Amino acid sequence: MFRLCWAALNLVWQLLRQIAQLPRLAATALGAATGDQPARPQRMLIALLAILPICFAASLTLSHLTLVMSPSIDAWIVRPAPGPIRKGDLVQFTLSHPAIGAKPVSATKYALCMPGDRLSIIEGPPHSIVLPSEGHFYCNGMLLGVSVRLGPKGLPLERSRWQGIIPAGHVYVGSRHARGFDSRYIGLVPIAGLRRMRRVI
């Protein structure tokens, strides 16, 4: 009991000592050569005038950067890149689907099949045995990806079944990643809801 009380008193004493040093630390921060000298706020003001514009510019730059958490995209950081969306461009959009949870998330994918292209779905490649629910997605005859039956948490995934000529104002988004969650499951995405992005890193 005595040791506990002594430890508590020692802690209080250390806190009081730190509080007593606050005026000296503040004076030093404001430009005094030592804590015993009066503060010189002019030096602090000059430093702030030099630093604040840099911090402001950095905050504006960082606010436009997006960290990509998906392994299906060959990028760590992306930023907006205004302009018309073309095949192969990175695009960002709001993704809402029961498989990813109750709240919508921001997703970054590639625009892989554009308006006027033909999207086809084949139930497995020739001369192989696959389950009927596995679909091979093609754009103008080029393989885009293969759907899977189960998601990362073991939940069943229902693949998109639409195929044909992609209508104006829509696009197939995805990646080459085998486990990518994209138009294989969510179907075509309206171009109006896409934001063109560019890789930074």
Foldseek 3Di string as FASTA:
>chain_A
DVVVVVVVVVVVVVVVVVVVCVQLVVQVCCPDPGSVDGRDNVVVVVVCVVVVVVVVVVVVVVVQKDAAPDPQDPFGIKGFDDDDADFFFKKWFWDDDPVVHHDIDIHIWTFHAAAQWWKDWDQDDPPDDDDSQWIFIDTNRHTDAIDDQAAPVRHGARFDDDTTGHHPQWTWTWGHDHRIDTCRGVNIDGPVRITTMDHDD
